[in-house]
C-alpha atoms as a PDB file:
ATOM      1  CA  MET A   1     -40.365 -75.129  92.925  1.00  0.00           C
ATOM      2  CA  ASP A   2     -38.986 -78.540  93.831  1.00  0.00           C
ATOM      3  CA  LYS A   3     -42.448 -80.119  93.764  1.00  0.00           C
ATOM      4  CA  ASN A   4     -43.068 -78.744  90.272  1.00  0.00           C
ATOM      5  CA  ASN A   5     -39.832 -80.317  89.028  1.00  0.00           C
ATOM      6  CA  ILE A   6     -40.842 -83.685  90.486  1.00  0.00           C
ATOM      7  CA  ASP A   7     -44.323 -83.483  88.927  1.00  0.00           C
ATOM      8  CA  LEU A   8     -42.846 -82.482  85.582  1.00  0.00           C
ATOM      9  CA  GLN A   9     -40.336 -85.351  85.751  1.00  0.00           C
ATOM     10  CA  ARG A  10     -43.122 -87.859  86.502  1.00  0.00           C
ATOM     11  CA  LEU A  11     -45.194 -86.514  83.619  1.00  0.00           C
ATOM     12  CA  ILE A  12     -42.244 -86.861  81.232  1.00  0.00           C
ATOM     13  CA  GLU A  13     -41.589 -90.419  82.428  1.00  0.00           C
ATOM     14  CA  LYS A  14     -45.242 -91.440  81.976  1.00  0.00           C
ATOM     15  CA  VAL A  15     -45.452 -89.936  78.482  1.00  0.00           C
ATOM     16  CA  THR A  16     -42.177 -91.572  77.486  1.00  0.00           C
ATOM     17  CA  LYS A  17     -43.249 -94.974  78.791  1.00  0.00           C
ATOM     18  CA  ASN A  18     -46.732 -94.871  77.280  1.00  0.00           C
ATOM     19  CA  THR A  19     -45.517 -93.804  73.835  1.00  0.00           C
ATOM     20  CA  ASN A  20     -42.841 -96.518  73.641  1.00  0.00           C
ATOM     21  CA  ALA A  21     -43.846 -99.005  70.916  1.00  0.00           C
ATOM     22  CA  ASN A  22     -42.434-101.996  72.801  1.00  0.00           C
ATOM     23  CA  TYR A  23     -44.336-101.087  75.977  1.00  0.00           C
ATOM     24  CA  LYS A  24     -47.560-100.603  74.016  1.00  0.00           C
ATOM     25  CA  SER A  25     -47.264-104.014  72.359  1.00  0.00           C
ATOM     26  CA  VAL A  26     -46.755-105.721  75.740  1.00  0.00           C
ATOM     27  CA  VAL A  27     -49.758-103.935  77.246  1.00  0.00           C
ATOM     28  CA  GLN A  28     -51.956-104.771  74.249  1.00  0.00           C
ATOM     29  CA  GLY A  29     -50.833-108.394  74.283  1.00  0.00           C
ATOM     30  CA  THR A  30     -49.398-108.359  70.767  1.00  0.00           C
ATOM     31  CA  TYR A  31     -45.815-108.918  71.934  1.00  0.00           C
ATOM     32  CA  ALA A  32     -44.397-112.399  71.394  1.00  0.00           C
ATOM     33  CA  PRO A  33     -42.197-113.261  74.391  1.00  0.00           C
ATOM     34  CA  ARG A  34     -38.642-114.324  73.659  1.00  0.00           C
ATOM     35  CA  GLY A  35     -38.477-118.058  73.028  1.00  0.00           C
ATOM     36  CA  SER A  36     -42.161-118.442  72.140  1.00  0.00           C
ATOM     37  CA  ASP A  37     -43.084-120.195  68.908  1.00  0.00           C
ATOM     38  CA  GLU A  38     -44.167-116.908  67.292  1.00  0.00           C
ATOM     39  CA  TRP A  39     -40.884-115.256  68.278  1.00  0.00           C
ATOM     40  CA  LEU A  40     -38.862-118.202  66.955  1.00  0.00           C
ATOM     41  CA  MET A  41     -40.754-118.100  63.644  1.00  0.00           C
ATOM     42  CA  SER A  42     -40.095-114.396  63.172  1.00  0.00           C
ATOM     43  CA  LYS A  43     -36.366-114.841  63.869  1.00  0.00           C
ATOM     44  CA  MET A  44     -35.879-118.043  61.869  1.00  0.00           C
ATOM     45  CA  VAL A  45     -37.243-116.486  58.694  1.00  0.00           C
ATOM     46  CA  LYS A  46     -34.239-114.128  58.770  1.00  0.00           C
ATOM     47  CA  LYS A  47     -31.711-116.744  59.883  1.00  0.00           C
ATOM     48  CA  VAL A  48     -32.090-119.610  57.371  1.00  0.00           C
ATOM     49  CA  THR A  49     -32.762-119.952  53.660  1.00  0.00           C
ATOM     50  CA  GLN A  50     -36.342-119.829  52.457  1.00  0.00           C
ATOM     51  CA  GLU A  51     -36.377-123.530  51.596  1.00  0.00           C
ATOM     52  CA  ASN A  52     -35.053-124.530  55.038  1.00  0.00           C
ATOM     53  CA  TYR A  53     -37.466-122.155  56.730  1.00  0.00           C
ATOM     54  CA  ILE A  54     -40.457-123.678  54.936  1.00  0.00           C
ATOM     55  CA  ASP A  55     -39.366-127.187  55.947  1.00  0.00           C
ATOM     56  CA  TRP A  56     -38.809-126.073  59.547  1.00  0.00           C
ATOM     57  CA  LEU A  57     -42.129-124.213  59.633  1.00  0.00           C
ATOM     58  CA  ASN A  58     -44.036-127.241  58.333  1.00  0.00           C
ATOM     59  CA  VAL A  59     -42.623-129.299  61.192  1.00  0.00           C
ATOM     60  CA  MET A  60     -43.548-126.583  63.696  1.00  0.00           C
ATOM     61  CA  LEU A  61     -47.103-126.334  62.388  1.00  0.00           C
ATOM     62  CA  HIS A  62     -47.905-129.924  61.436  1.00  0.00           C
ATOM     63  CA  GLY A  63     -45.358-132.145  63.164  1.00  0.00           C
ATOM     64  CA  LYS A  64     -45.861-134.424  66.122  1.00  0.00           C
ATOM     65  CA  TYR A  65     -44.899-133.321  69.622  1.00  0.00           C
ATOM     66  CA  ASN A  66     -41.359-134.787  69.533  1.00  0.00           C
ATOM     67  CA  GLN A  67     -40.721-133.319  66.083  1.00  0.00           C
ATOM     68  CA  LYS A  68     -41.850-129.881  67.249  1.00  0.00           C
ATOM     69  CA  LYS A  69     -39.641-130.176  70.321  1.00  0.00           C
ATOM     70  CA  LYS A  70     -36.601-130.948  68.155  1.00  0.00           C
ATOM     71  CA  ALA A  71     -37.483-128.096  65.782  1.00  0.00           C
ATOM     72  CA  ARG A  72     -37.643-125.676  68.754  1.00  0.00           C
ATOM     73  CA  GLN A  73     -34.277-126.925  70.021  1.00  0.00           C
ATOM     74  CA  TYR A  74     -32.779-126.486  66.541  1.00  0.00           C
ATOM     75  CA  ALA A  75     -34.087-122.934  66.299  1.00  0.00           C
ATOM     76  CA  LYS A  76     -32.826-122.027  69.764  1.00  0.00           C
ATOM     77  CA  LEU A  77     -29.420-123.459  68.905  1.00  0.00           C
ATOM     78  CA  LEU A  78     -29.226-121.413  65.699  1.00  0.00           C
ATOM     79  CA  LEU A  79     -30.429-118.255  67.430  1.00  0.00           C
ATOM     80  CA  GLY A  80     -28.098-118.714  70.383  1.00  0.00           C
ATOM     81  CA  ILE A  81     -30.652-118.737  73.172  1.00  0.00           C
ATOM     82  CA  GLU A  82     -30.912-121.095  76.144  1.00  0.00           C
END
């Protein structure tokens, strides 16, 4: 009886883990890690006005290395990370 409970518990845990949308996105490689450029872009679009976001995004996509670095720092400051 005890062994059946353990097996049932493991089955429930596996099903729960494998049906979790966040877990699936990490396994499939579609998850943008916190602090990555993709993650910052998705958060900044909600944080600033559309005009400011477009300006910031242009720097992130087309700016020089130092400009991109400053844009990342600005985004992290606004989002309260690091």
